[in-house]
Amino acid sequence: MKVILRKNDSATSLLLFVYNSYFNFYQKDTIKLSSLLEIMKAFGKSESATRMSLSRTVK
């Protein structure tokens, strides 16, 4: 699968995309935080941006 992200894509939308892709592939609804941080880092998102997007997603 090829993923093209614009520079202005938010960490929250990326987080939701990763979660949706993970759920569809593994049929699990949980992701380890350490794994999520590594995935987000591959897309250029920092740990603090990932944690903030998690907080916003939960709200």
Foldseek 3Di string as FASTA:
>chain_A
DDDDDDPPDALLVVLVVVQVVCCVVPVDNDDDLVVSQVVVVVVVDHSVSNVVSVVVVVD
